[in-house]
């Protein structure tokens, strides 16, 4: 009886190991690969959105610089009527991180 029980337990262990191995392989193909594909797709979408945001930030920065430079040109273009105090404030505001483009426009 004991030999028969040992033989059946070995057989059952072999069959259970095979079944769980097949289930793990099927699970890997059915779920894990699909999840990896979804993760790659979402990562690509995130990268695209990040590139768009950087592009829009660059456009907004360029627009702001052009707007400030236009204001300075307008104010300094009419030298007789120009309010020096307002022109000075605008110029100082542009010096924060935009000194070179503003100086080039004024110069």
PDB file of N, CA and C in Angstrom:
ATOM      1  N   UNK A   1       0.816  -1.189   0.000  1.00  0.00           N
ATOM      2  CA  UNK A   1       0.000   0.000   0.000  1.00  0.00           C
ATOM      3  C   UNK A   1       0.864   1.259   0.000  1.00  0.00           C
ATOM      4  N   UNK A   2       1.938   1.245   0.758  1.00  0.00           N
ATOM      5  CA  UNK A   2       2.814   2.393   0.855  1.00  0.00           C
ATOM      6  C   UNK A   2       3.531   2.635  -0.470  1.00  0.00           C
ATOM      7  N   UNK A   3       3.963   1.551  -1.132  1.00  0.00           N
ATOM      8  CA  UNK A   3       4.636   1.714  -2.419  1.00  0.00           C
ATOM      9  C   UNK A   3       3.678   2.306  -3.451  1.00  0.00           C
ATOM     10  N   UNK A   4       2.453   1.863  -3.409  1.00  0.00           N
ATOM     11  CA  UNK A   4       1.455   2.359  -4.354  1.00  0.00           C
ATOM     12  C   UNK A   4       1.152   3.842  -4.087  1.00  0.00           C
ATOM     13  N   UNK A   5       1.094   4.222  -2.844  1.00  0.00           N
ATOM     14  CA  UNK A   5       0.845   5.623  -2.481  1.00  0.00           C
ATOM     15  C   UNK A   5       2.010   6.512  -2.920  1.00  0.00           C
ATOM     16  N   UNK A   6       3.230   6.051  -2.764  1.00  0.00           N
ATOM     17  CA  UNK A   6       4.404   6.802  -3.180  1.00  0.00           C
ATOM     18  C   UNK A   6       4.398   6.939  -4.698  1.00  0.00           C
ATOM     19  N   UNK A   7       4.054   5.877  -5.424  1.00  0.00           N
ATOM     20  CA  UNK A   7       4.025   5.923  -6.881  1.00  0.00           C
ATOM     21  C   UNK A   7       2.960   6.899  -7.363  1.00  0.00           C
ATOM     22  N   UNK A   8       1.774   6.870  -6.751  1.00  0.00           N
ATOM     23  CA  UNK A   8       0.707   7.809  -7.151  1.00  0.00           C
ATOM     24  C   UNK A   8       1.060   9.253  -6.812  1.00  0.00           C
ATOM     25  N   UNK A   9       1.726   9.465  -5.688  1.00  0.00           N
ATOM     26  CA  UNK A   9       2.104  10.831  -5.319  1.00  0.00           C
ATOM     27  C   UNK A   9       3.163  11.370  -6.275  1.00  0.00           C
ATOM     28  N   UNK A  10       4.113  10.521  -6.718  1.00  0.00           N
ATOM     29  CA  UNK A  10       5.096  10.956  -7.711  1.00  0.00           C
ATOM     30  C   UNK A  10       4.404  11.278  -9.039  1.00  0.00           C
ATOM     31  N   UNK A  11       3.476  10.417  -9.438  1.00  0.00           N
ATOM     32  CA  UNK A  11       2.747  10.626 -10.681  1.00  0.00           C
ATOM     33  C   UNK A  11       1.913  11.910 -10.594  1.00  0.00           C
ATOM     34  N   UNK A  12       1.229  12.101  -9.471  1.00  0.00           N
ATOM     35  CA  UNK A  12       0.413  13.302  -9.281  1.00  0.00           C
ATOM     36  C   UNK A  12       1.283  14.560  -9.286  1.00  0.00           C
ATOM     37  N   UNK A  13       2.461  14.500  -8.658  1.00  0.00           N
ATOM     38  CA  UNK A  13       3.368  15.640  -8.631  1.00  0.00           C
ATOM     39  C   UNK A  13       3.856  15.970 -10.028  1.00  0.00           C
ATOM     40  N   UNK A  14       4.174  14.943 -10.820  1.00  0.00           N
ATOM     41  CA  UNK A  14       4.616  15.145 -12.192  1.00  0.00           C
ATOM     42  C   UNK A  14       3.518  15.784 -13.038  1.00  0.00           C
ATOM     43  N   UNK A  15       2.305  15.269 -12.938  1.00  0.00           N
ATOM     44  CA  UNK A  15       1.175  15.814 -13.705  1.00  0.00           C
ATOM     45  C   UNK A  15       0.865  17.239 -13.242  1.00  0.00           C
ATOM     46  N   UNK A  16       0.860  17.520 -11.933  1.00  0.00           N
ATOM     47  CA  UNK A  16       0.570  18.857 -11.411  1.00  0.00           C
ATOM     48  C   UNK A  16       1.639  19.846 -11.865  1.00  0.00           C
ATOM     49  N   UNK A  17       2.903  19.458 -11.861  1.00  0.00           N
ATOM     50  CA  UNK A  17       3.968  20.336 -12.332  1.00  0.00           C
ATOM     51  C   UNK A  17       3.802  20.679 -13.810  1.00  0.00           C
ATOM     52  N   UNK A  18       3.443  19.670 -14.618  1.00  0.00           N
ATOM     53  CA  UNK A  18       3.225  19.910 -16.044  1.00  0.00           C
ATOM     54  C   UNK A  18       2.051  20.872 -16.251  1.00  0.00           C
ATOM     55  N   UNK A  19       0.949  20.641 -15.548  1.00  0.00           N
ATOM     56  CA  UNK A  19      -0.244  21.492 -15.699  1.00  0.00           C
ATOM     57  C   UNK A  19       0.068  22.927 -15.281  1.00  0.00           C
ATOM     58  N   UNK A  20       0.722  23.114 -14.164  1.00  0.00           N
ATOM     59  CA  UNK A  20       1.051  24.469 -13.725  1.00  0.00           C
ATOM     60  C   UNK A  20       2.056  25.150 -14.661  1.00  0.00           C
ATOM     61  N   UNK A  21       2.965  24.387 -15.232  1.00  0.00           N
ATOM     62  CA  UNK A  21       3.892  24.944 -16.215  1.00  0.00           C
ATOM     63  C   UNK A  21       3.166  25.427 -17.454  1.00  0.00           C
ATOM     64  N   UNK A  22       2.228  24.651 -17.945  1.00  0.00           N
ATOM     65  CA  UNK A  22       1.439  25.048 -19.120  1.00  0.00           C
ATOM     66  C   UNK A  22       0.592  26.272 -18.790  1.00  0.00           C
ATOM     67  N   UNK A  23      -0.020  26.278 -17.620  1.00  0.00           N
ATOM     68  CA  UNK A  23      -0.838  27.431 -17.218  1.00  0.00           C
ATOM     69  C   UNK A  23       0.030  28.688 -17.132  1.00  0.00           C
ATOM     70  N   UNK A  24       1.229  28.575 -16.583  1.00  0.00           N
ATOM     71  CA  UNK A  24       2.130  29.722 -16.491  1.00  0.00           C
ATOM     72  C   UNK A  24       2.536  30.233 -17.865  1.00  0.00           C
ATOM     73  N   UNK A  25       2.800  29.340 -18.791  1.00  0.00           N
ATOM     74  CA  UNK A  25       3.175  29.752 -20.145  1.00  0.00           C
ATOM     75  C   UNK A  25       2.024  30.452 -20.841  1.00  0.00           C
ATOM     76  N   UNK A  26       0.837  29.884 -20.739  1.00  0.00           N
ATOM     77  CA  UNK A  26      -0.347  30.496 -21.356  1.00  0.00           C
ATOM     78  C   UNK A  26      -0.614  31.854 -20.722  1.00  0.00           C
ATOM     79  N   UNK A  27      -0.479  31.943 -19.403  1.00  0.00           N
ATOM     80  CA  UNK A  27      -0.683  33.217 -18.706  1.00  0.00           C
ATOM     81  C   UNK A  27       0.318  34.272 -19.193  1.00  0.00           C
ATOM     82  N   UNK A  28       1.553  33.830 -19.408  1.00  0.00           N
ATOM     83  CA  UNK A  28       2.571  34.757 -19.888  1.00  0.00           C
ATOM     84  C   UNK A  28       2.207  35.301 -21.257  1.00  0.00           C
ATOM     85  N   UNK A  29       1.784  34.439 -22.159  1.00  0.00           N
ATOM     86  CA  UNK A  29       1.426  34.903 -23.501  1.00  0.00           C
ATOM     87  C   UNK A  29       0.144  35.717 -23.498  1.00  0.00           C
ATOM     88  N   UNK A  30      -0.831  35.307 -22.715  1.00  0.00           N
ATOM     89  CA  UNK A  30      -2.149  35.958 -22.756  1.00  0.00           C
ATOM     90  C   UNK A  30      -2.184  37.277 -21.998  1.00  0.00           C
ATOM     91  N   UNK A  31      -1.546  37.362 -20.865  1.00  0.00           N
ATOM     92  CA  UNK A  31      -1.699  38.537 -20.017  1.00  0.00           C
ATOM     93  C   UNK A  31      -0.456  39.417 -19.973  1.00  0.00           C
ATOM     94  N   UNK A  32       0.700  38.838 -19.708  1.00  0.00           N
ATOM     95  CA  UNK A  32       1.910  39.624 -19.493  1.00  0.00           C
ATOM     96  C   UNK A  32       2.344  40.322 -20.776  1.00  0.00           C
ATOM     97  N   UNK A  33       2.329  39.623 -21.898  1.00  0.00           N
ATOM     98  CA  UNK A  33       2.725  40.248 -23.160  1.00  0.00           C
ATOM     99  C   UNK A  33       1.767  41.369 -23.547  1.00  0.00           C
ATOM    100  N   UNK A  34       0.489  41.159 -23.328  1.00  0.00           N
ATOM    101  CA  UNK A  34      -0.499  42.203 -23.620  1.00  0.00           C
ATOM    102  C   UNK A  34      -0.278  43.410 -22.714  1.00  0.00           C
ATOM    103  N   UNK A  35       0.042  43.171 -21.454  1.00  0.00           N
ATOM    104  CA  UNK A  35       0.318  44.278 -20.529  1.00  0.00           C
ATOM    105  C   UNK A  35       1.569  45.036 -20.950  1.00  0.00           C
ATOM    106  N   UNK A  36       2.582  44.311 -21.412  1.00  0.00           N
ATOM    107  CA  UNK A  36       3.804  44.977 -21.882  1.00  0.00           C
ATOM    108  C   UNK A  36       3.524  45.825 -23.110  1.00  0.00           C
ATOM    109  N   UNK A  37       2.680  45.335 -24.010  1.00  0.00           N
ATOM    110  CA  UNK A  37       2.312  46.122 -25.188  1.00  0.00           C
ATOM    111  C   UNK A  37       1.558  47.387 -24.787  1.00  0.00           C
ATOM    112  N   UNK A  38       0.647  47.258 -23.833  1.00  0.00           N
ATOM    113  CA  UNK A  38      -0.087  48.433 -23.348  1.00  0.00           C
ATOM    114  C   UNK A  38       0.867  49.427 -22.683  1.00  0.00           C
ATOM    115  N   UNK A  39       1.813  48.932 -21.913  1.00  0.00           N
ATOM    116  CA  UNK A  39       2.783  49.798 -21.249  1.00  0.00           C
ATOM    117  C   UNK A  39       3.640  50.542 -22.278  1.00  0.00           C
ATOM    118  N   UNK A  40       4.064  49.856 -23.326  1.00  0.00           N
ATOM    119  CA  UNK A  40       4.865  50.496 -24.366  1.00  0.00           C
ATOM    120  C   UNK A  40       4.052  51.567 -25.088  1.00  0.00           C
ATOM    121  N   UNK A  41       2.789  51.260 -25.378  1.00  0.00           N
ATOM    122  CA  UNK A  41       1.927  52.224 -26.054  1.00  0.00           C
ATOM    123  C   UNK A  41       1.727  53.466 -25.191  1.00  0.00           C
ATOM    124  N   UNK A  42       1.476  53.275 -23.911  1.00  0.00           N
ATOM    125  CA  UNK A  42       1.276  54.409 -23.010  1.00  0.00           C
ATOM    126  C   UNK A  42       2.561  55.221 -22.830  1.00  0.00           C
ATOM    127  N   UNK A  43       3.700  54.545 -22.793  1.00  0.00           N
ATOM    128  CA  UNK A  43       4.979  55.248 -22.685  1.00  0.00           C
ATOM    129  C   UNK A  43       5.222  56.108 -23.920  1.00  0.00           C
ATOM    130  N   UNK A  44       4.899  55.571 -25.092  1.00  0.00           N
ATOM    131  CA  UNK A  44       5.047  56.350 -26.330  1.00  0.00           C
ATOM    132  C   UNK A  44       4.105  57.551 -26.340  1.00  0.00           C
ATOM    133  N   UNK A  45       2.880  57.361 -25.859  1.00  0.00           N
ATOM    134  CA  UNK A  45       1.941  58.490 -25.783  1.00  0.00           C
ATOM    135  C   UNK A  45       2.452  59.558 -24.826  1.00  0.00           C
ATOM    136  N   UNK A  46       3.003  59.148 -23.696  1.00  0.00           N
ATOM    137  CA  UNK A  46       3.535  60.108 -22.726  1.00  0.00           C
ATOM    138  C   UNK A  46       4.688  60.896 -23.340  1.00  0.00           C
ATOM    139  N   UNK A  47       5.562  60.215 -24.071  1.00  0.00           N
ATOM    140  CA  UNK A  47       6.685  60.897 -24.709  1.00  0.00           C
ATOM    141  C   UNK A  47       6.190  61.897 -25.751  1.00  0.00           C
ATOM    142  N   UNK A  48       5.142  61.529 -26.500  1.00  0.00           N
ATOM    143  CA  UNK A  48       4.596  62.440 -27.506  1.00  0.00           C
ATOM    144  C   UNK A  48       3.983  63.676 -26.852  1.00  0.00           C
ATOM    145  N   UNK A  49       3.259  63.475 -25.769  1.00  0.00           N
ATOM    146  CA  UNK A  49       2.648  64.608 -25.066  1.00  0.00           C
ATOM    147  C   UNK A  49       3.734  65.511 -24.474  1.00  0.00           C
ATOM    148  N   UNK A  50       4.791  64.907 -23.939  1.00  0.00           N
ATOM    149  CA  UNK A  50       5.895  65.699 -23.391  1.00  0.00           C
ATOM    150  C   UNK A  50       6.549  66.546 -24.471  1.00  0.00           C
ATOM    151  N   UNK A  51       6.756  65.958 -25.660  1.00  0.00           N
ATOM    152  CA  UNK A  51       7.338  66.732 -26.767  1.00  0.00           C
ATOM    153  C   UNK A  51       6.410  67.872 -27.175  1.00  0.00           C
ATOM    154  N   UNK A  52       5.109  67.622 -27.218  1.00  0.00           N
ATOM    155  CA  UNK A  52       4.158  68.686 -27.558  1.00  0.00           C
ATOM    156  C   UNK A  52       4.185  69.802 -26.526  1.00  0.00           C
ATOM    157  N   UNK A  53       4.243  69.435 -25.240  1.00  0.00           N
ATOM    158  CA  UNK A  53       4.285  70.453 -24.189  1.00  0.00           C
ATOM    159  C   UNK A  53       5.542  71.299 -24.301  1.00  0.00           C
ATOM    160  N   UNK A  54       6.690  70.669 -24.563  1.00  0.00           N
ATOM    161  CA  UNK A  54       7.928  71.427 -24.711  1.00  0.00           C
ATOM    162  C   UNK A  54       7.852  72.354 -25.918  1.00  0.00           C
ATOM    163  N   UNK A  55       7.234  71.876 -26.981  1.00  0.00           N
ATOM    164  CA  UNK A  55       7.079  72.713 -28.175  1.00  0.00           C
ATOM    165  C   UNK A  55       6.180  73.909 -27.877  1.00  0.00           C
ATOM    166  N   UNK A  56       5.072  73.675 -27.182  1.00  0.00           N
ATOM    167  CA  UNK A  56       4.168  74.777 -26.837  1.00  0.00           C
ATOM    168  C   UNK A  56       4.817  75.762 -25.879  1.00  0.00           C
ATOM    169  N   UNK A  57       5.612  75.261 -24.941  1.00  0.00           N
ATOM    170  CA  UNK A  57       6.320  76.161 -24.031  1.00  0.00           C
ATOM    171  C   UNK A  57       7.313  77.030 -24.803  1.00  0.00           C
ATOM    172  N   UNK A  58       7.989  76.444 -25.764  1.00  0.00           N
ATOM    173  CA  UNK A  58       8.920  77.211 -26.592  1.00  0.00           C
ATOM    174  C   UNK A  58       8.207  78.273 -27.409  1.00  0.00           C
ATOM    175  N   UNK A  59       7.048  77.916 -27.950  1.00  0.00           N
ATOM    176  CA  UNK A  59       6.268  78.877 -28.726  1.00  0.00           C
ATOM    177  C   UNK A  59       5.781  80.007 -27.827  1.00  0.00           C
ATOM    178  N   UNK A  60       5.294  79.668 -26.640  1.00  0.00           N
ATOM    179  CA  UNK A  60       4.821  80.694 -25.713  1.00  0.00           C
ATOM    180  C   UNK A  60       5.961  81.621 -25.296  1.00  0.00           C
ATOM    181  N   UNK A  61       7.137  81.064 -25.053  1.00  0.00           N
ATOM    182  CA  UNK A  61       8.295  81.870 -24.676  1.00  0.00           C
ATOM    183  C   UNK A  61       8.678  82.816 -25.816  1.00  0.00           C
ATOM    184  N   UNK A  62       8.705  82.295 -27.038  1.00  0.00           N
ATOM    185  CA  UNK A  62       9.044  83.137 -28.196  1.00  0.00           C
ATOM    186  C   UNK A  62       8.011  84.239 -28.395  1.00  0.00           C
ATOM    187  N   UNK A  63       6.731  83.903 -28.194  1.00  0.00           N
ATOM    188  CA  UNK A  63       5.687  84.907 -28.333  1.00  0.00           C
ATOM    189  C   UNK A  63       5.850  85.998 -27.279  1.00  0.00           C
ATOM    190  N   UNK A  64       6.144  85.594 -26.050  1.00  0.00           N
ATOM    191  CA  UNK A  64       6.320  86.569 -24.977  1.00  0.00           C
ATOM    192  C   UNK A  64       7.487  87.502 -25.274  1.00  0.00           C
ATOM    193  N   UNK A  65       8.595  86.930 -25.730  1.00  0.00           N
ATOM    194  CA  UNK A  65       9.766  87.748 -26.068  1.00  0.00           C
ATOM    195  C   UNK A  65       9.409  88.725 -27.180  1.00  0.00           C
ATOM    196  N   UNK A  66       8.758  88.237 -28.225  1.00  0.00           N
ATOM    197  CA  UNK A  66       8.394  89.115 -29.340  1.00  0.00           C
ATOM    198  C   UNK A  66       7.444  90.216 -28.880  1.00  0.00           C
ATOM    199  N   UNK A  67       6.528  89.879 -28.000  1.00  0.00           N
ATOM    200  CA  UNK A  67       5.581  90.866 -27.486  1.00  0.00           C
ATOM    201  C   UNK A  67       6.310  91.937 -26.678  1.00  0.00           C
ATOM    202  N   UNK A  68       7.211  91.528 -25.811  1.00  0.00           N
ATOM    203  CA  UNK A  68       7.967  92.487 -25.009  1.00  0.00           C
ATOM    204  C   UNK A  68       8.855  93.364 -25.887  1.00  0.00           C
ATOM    205  N   UNK A  69       9.482  92.750 -26.865  1.00  0.00           N
ATOM    206  CA  UNK A  69      10.327  93.528 -27.757  1.00  0.00           C
ATOM    207  C   UNK A  69       9.503  94.513 -28.566  1.00  0.00           C
ATOM    208  N   UNK A  70       8.318  94.086 -28.980  1.00  0.00           N
ATOM    209  CA  UNK A  70       7.432  95.008 -29.699  1.00  0.00           C
ATOM    210  C   UNK A  70       7.028  96.186 -28.837  1.00  0.00           C
ATOM    211  N   UNK A  71       6.737  95.921 -27.569  1.00  0.00           N
ATOM    212  CA  UNK A  71       6.402  97.022 -26.658  1.00  0.00           C
ATOM    213  C   UNK A  71       7.561  97.999 -26.515  1.00  0.00           C
ATOM    214  N   UNK A  72       8.760  97.463 -26.371  1.00  0.00           N
ATOM    215  CA  UNK A  72       9.924  98.337 -26.242  1.00  0.00           C
ATOM    216  C   UNK A  72      10.156  99.155 -27.514  1.00  0.00           C
ATOM    217  N   UNK A  73      10.029  98.524 -28.646  1.00  0.00           N
ATOM    218  CA  UNK A  73      10.226  99.246 -29.912  1.00  0.00           C
ATOM    219  C   UNK A  73       9.194 100.352 -30.052  1.00  0.00           C
ATOM    220  N   UNK A  74       7.946 100.040 -29.702  1.00  0.00           N
ATOM    221  CA  UNK A  74       6.888 101.049 -29.805  1.00  0.00           C
ATOM    222  C   UNK A  74       7.164 102.225 -28.876  1.00  0.00           C
ATOM    223  N   UNK A  75       7.552 101.913 -27.623  1.00  0.00           N
ATOM    224  CA  UNK A  75       7.773 102.990 -26.657  1.00  0.00           C
ATOM    225  C   UNK A  75       9.011 103.810 -26.981  1.00  0.00           C
ATOM    226  N   UNK A  76      10.080 103.122 -27.377  1.00  0.00           N
ATOM    227  CA  UNK A  76      11.319 103.834 -27.642  1.00  0.00           C
ATOM    228  C   UNK A  76      11.346 104.440 -29.047  1.00  0.00           C
ATOM    229  N   UNK A  77      10.439 104.015 -29.885  1.00  0.00           N
ATOM    230  CA  UNK A  77      10.370 104.559 -31.232  1.00  0.00           C
ATOM    231  C   UNK A  77       9.872 105.986 -31.260  1.00  0.00           C
ATOM    232  N   UNK A  78       9.085 106.327 -30.289  1.00  0.00           N
ATOM    233  CA  UNK A  78       8.571 107.700 -30.191  1.00  0.00           C
ATOM    234  C   UNK A  78       9.331 108.389 -29.074  1.00  0.00           C
ATOM    235  N   UNK A  79      10.541 108.717 -29.348  1.00  0.00           N
ATOM    236  CA  UNK A  79      11.449 109.240 -28.329  1.00  0.00           C
ATOM    237  C   UNK A  79      10.937 110.510 -27.649  1.00  0.00           C
ATOM    238  N   UNK A  80      10.270 111.379 -28.391  1.00  0.00           N
ATOM    239  CA  UNK A  80       9.812 112.639 -27.788  1.00  0.00           C
ATOM    240  C   UNK A  80       8.716 112.399 -26.754  1.00  0.00           C
ATOM    241  N   UNK A  81       7.805 111.470 -27.042  1.00  0.00           N
ATOM    242  CA  UNK A  81       6.659 111.230 -26.152  1.00  0.00           C
ATOM    243  C   UNK A  81       6.882 110.068 -25.187  1.00  0.00           C
ATOM    244  N   UNK A  82       8.001 109.403 -25.254  1.00  0.00           N
ATOM    245  CA  UNK A  82       8.219 108.185 -24.457  1.00  0.00           C
ATOM    246  C   UNK A  82       8.276 108.514 -22.975  1.00  0.00           C
ATOM    247  N   UNK A  83       7.620 107.679 -22.198  1.00  0.00           N
ATOM    248  CA  UNK A  83       7.706 107.792 -20.739  1.00  0.00           C
ATOM    249  C   UNK A  83       8.891 106.953 -20.295  1.00  0.00           C
ATOM    250  N   UNK A  84       9.924 107.606 -19.872  1.00  0.00           N
ATOM    251  CA  UNK A  84      11.162 106.924 -19.512  1.00  0.00           C
ATOM    252  C   UNK A  84      10.972 105.972 -18.333  1.00  0.00           C
ATOM    253  N   UNK A  85      10.098 106.309 -17.400  1.00  0.00           N
ATOM    254  CA  UNK A  85       9.911 105.440 -16.240  1.00  0.00           C
ATOM    255  C   UNK A  85       9.281 104.110 -16.644  1.00  0.00           C
ATOM    256  N   UNK A  86       8.275 104.144 -17.534  1.00  0.00           N
ATOM    257  CA  UNK A  86       7.638 102.903 -17.987  1.00  0.00           C
ATOM    258  C   UNK A  86       8.608 102.094 -18.844  1.00  0.00           C
ATOM    259  N   UNK A  87       9.336 102.773 -19.716  1.00  0.00           N
ATOM    260  CA  UNK A  87      10.324 102.077 -20.548  1.00  0.00           C
ATOM    261  C   UNK A  87      11.388 101.419 -19.679  1.00  0.00           C
ATOM    262  N   UNK A  88      11.791 102.103 -18.616  1.00  0.00           N
ATOM    263  CA  UNK A  88      12.786 101.543 -17.706  1.00  0.00           C
ATOM    264  C   UNK A  88      12.253 100.296 -17.010  1.00  0.00           C
ATOM    265  N   UNK A  89      10.993 100.317 -16.568  1.00  0.00           N
ATOM    266  CA  UNK A  89      10.398  99.145 -15.915  1.00  0.00           C
ATOM    267  C   UNK A  89      10.296  97.967 -16.879  1.00  0.00           C
ATOM    268  N   UNK A  90       9.884  98.225 -18.092  1.00  0.00           N
ATOM    269  CA  UNK A  90       9.779  97.142 -19.078  1.00  0.00           C
ATOM    270  C   UNK A  90      11.162  96.572 -19.379  1.00  0.00           C
ATOM    271  N   UNK A  91      12.131  97.459 -19.530  1.00  0.00           N
ATOM    272  CA  UNK A  91      13.495  96.997 -19.801  1.00  0.00           C
ATOM    273  C   UNK A  91      14.031  96.146 -18.647  1.00  0.00           C
ATOM    274  N   UNK A  92      13.801  96.586 -17.416  1.00  0.00           N
ATOM    275  CA  UNK A  92      14.247  95.808 -16.254  1.00  0.00           C
ATOM    276  C   UNK A  92      13.550  94.453 -16.196  1.00  0.00           C
ATOM    277  N   UNK A  93      12.271  94.422 -16.537  1.00  0.00           N
ATOM    278  CA  UNK A  93      11.551  93.141 -16.565  1.00  0.00           C
ATOM    279  C   UNK A  93      12.133  92.193 -17.583  1.00  0.00           C
ATOM    280  N   UNK A  94      12.582  92.721 -18.698  1.00  0.00           N
ATOM    281  CA  UNK A  94      13.182  91.875 -19.722  1.00  0.00           C
ATOM    282  C   UNK A  94      14.575  91.416 -19.351  1.00  0.00           C
ATOM    283  N   UNK A  95      15.230  92.084 -18.424  1.00  0.00           N
ATOM    284  CA  UNK A  95      16.582  91.700 -18.040  1.00  0.00           C
ATOM    285  C   UNK A  95      16.618  90.457 -17.158  1.00  0.00           C
ATOM    286  N   UNK A  96      15.467  90.020 -16.658  1.00  0.00           N
ATOM    287  CA  UNK A  96      15.464  88.876 -15.758  1.00  0.00           C
ATOM    288  C   UNK A  96      16.133  87.661 -16.388  1.00  0.00           C
ATOM    289  N   UNK A  97      15.658  87.256 -17.541  1.00  0.00           N
ATOM    290  CA  UNK A  97      16.294  86.112 -18.200  1.00  0.00           C
ATOM    291  C   UNK A  97      16.320  86.279 -19.715  1.00  0.00           C
ATOM    292  N   UNK A  98      16.081  87.489 -20.176  1.00  0.00           N
ATOM    293  CA  UNK A  98      15.999  87.719 -21.606  1.00  0.00           C
ATOM    294  C   UNK A  98      16.851  88.911 -22.031  1.00  0.00           C
ATOM    295  N   UNK A  99      17.983  89.104 -21.404  1.00  0.00           N
ATOM    296  CA  UNK A  99      18.769  90.314 -21.629  1.00  0.00           C
ATOM    297  C   UNK A  99      19.280  90.420 -23.055  1.00  0.00           C
ATOM    298  N   UNK A 100      19.827  89.385 -23.591  1.00  0.00           N
ATOM    299  CA  UNK A 100      20.473  89.465 -24.903  1.00  0.00           C
ATOM    300  C   UNK A 100      19.493  89.800 -26.030  1.00  0.00           C
ATOM    301  N   UNK A 101      18.316  89.125 -26.144  1.00  0.00           N
ATOM    302  CA  UNK A 101      17.424  89.489 -27.251  1.00  0.00           C
ATOM    303  C   UNK A 101      16.913  90.918 -27.172  1.00  0.00           C
ATOM    304  N   UNK A 102      16.646  91.393 -25.967  1.00  0.00           N
ATOM    305  CA  UNK A 102      16.120  92.753 -25.814  1.00  0.00           C
ATOM    306  C   UNK A 102      17.202  93.771 -26.165  1.00  0.00           C
ATOM    307  N   UNK A 103      18.422  93.548 -25.697  1.00  0.00           N
ATOM    308  CA  UNK A 103      19.513  94.449 -26.048  1.00  0.00           C
ATOM    309  C   UNK A 103      19.761  94.476 -27.537  1.00  0.00           C
ATOM    310  N   UNK A 104      19.645  93.335 -28.169  1.00  0.00           N
ATOM    311  CA  UNK A 104      19.832  93.292 -29.625  1.00  0.00           C
ATOM    312  C   UNK A 104      18.769  94.108 -30.340  1.00  0.00           C
ATOM    313  N   UNK A 105      17.528  94.022 -29.864  1.00  0.00           N
ATOM    314  CA  UNK A 105      16.448  94.784 -30.499  1.00  0.00           C
ATOM    315  C   UNK A 105      16.633  96.274 -30.252  1.00  0.00           C
ATOM    316  N   UNK A 106      17.060  96.634 -29.043  1.00  0.00           N
ATOM    317  CA  UNK A 106      17.229  98.053 -28.736  1.00  0.00           C
ATOM    318  C   UNK A 106      18.447  98.610 -29.475  1.00  0.00           C
ATOM    319  N   UNK A 107      19.521  97.818 -29.496  1.00  0.00           N
ATOM    320  CA  UNK A 107      20.766  98.257 -30.112  1.00  0.00           C
ATOM    321  C   UNK A 107      20.639  98.338 -31.596  1.00  0.00           C
TER     322      UNK A 107
END
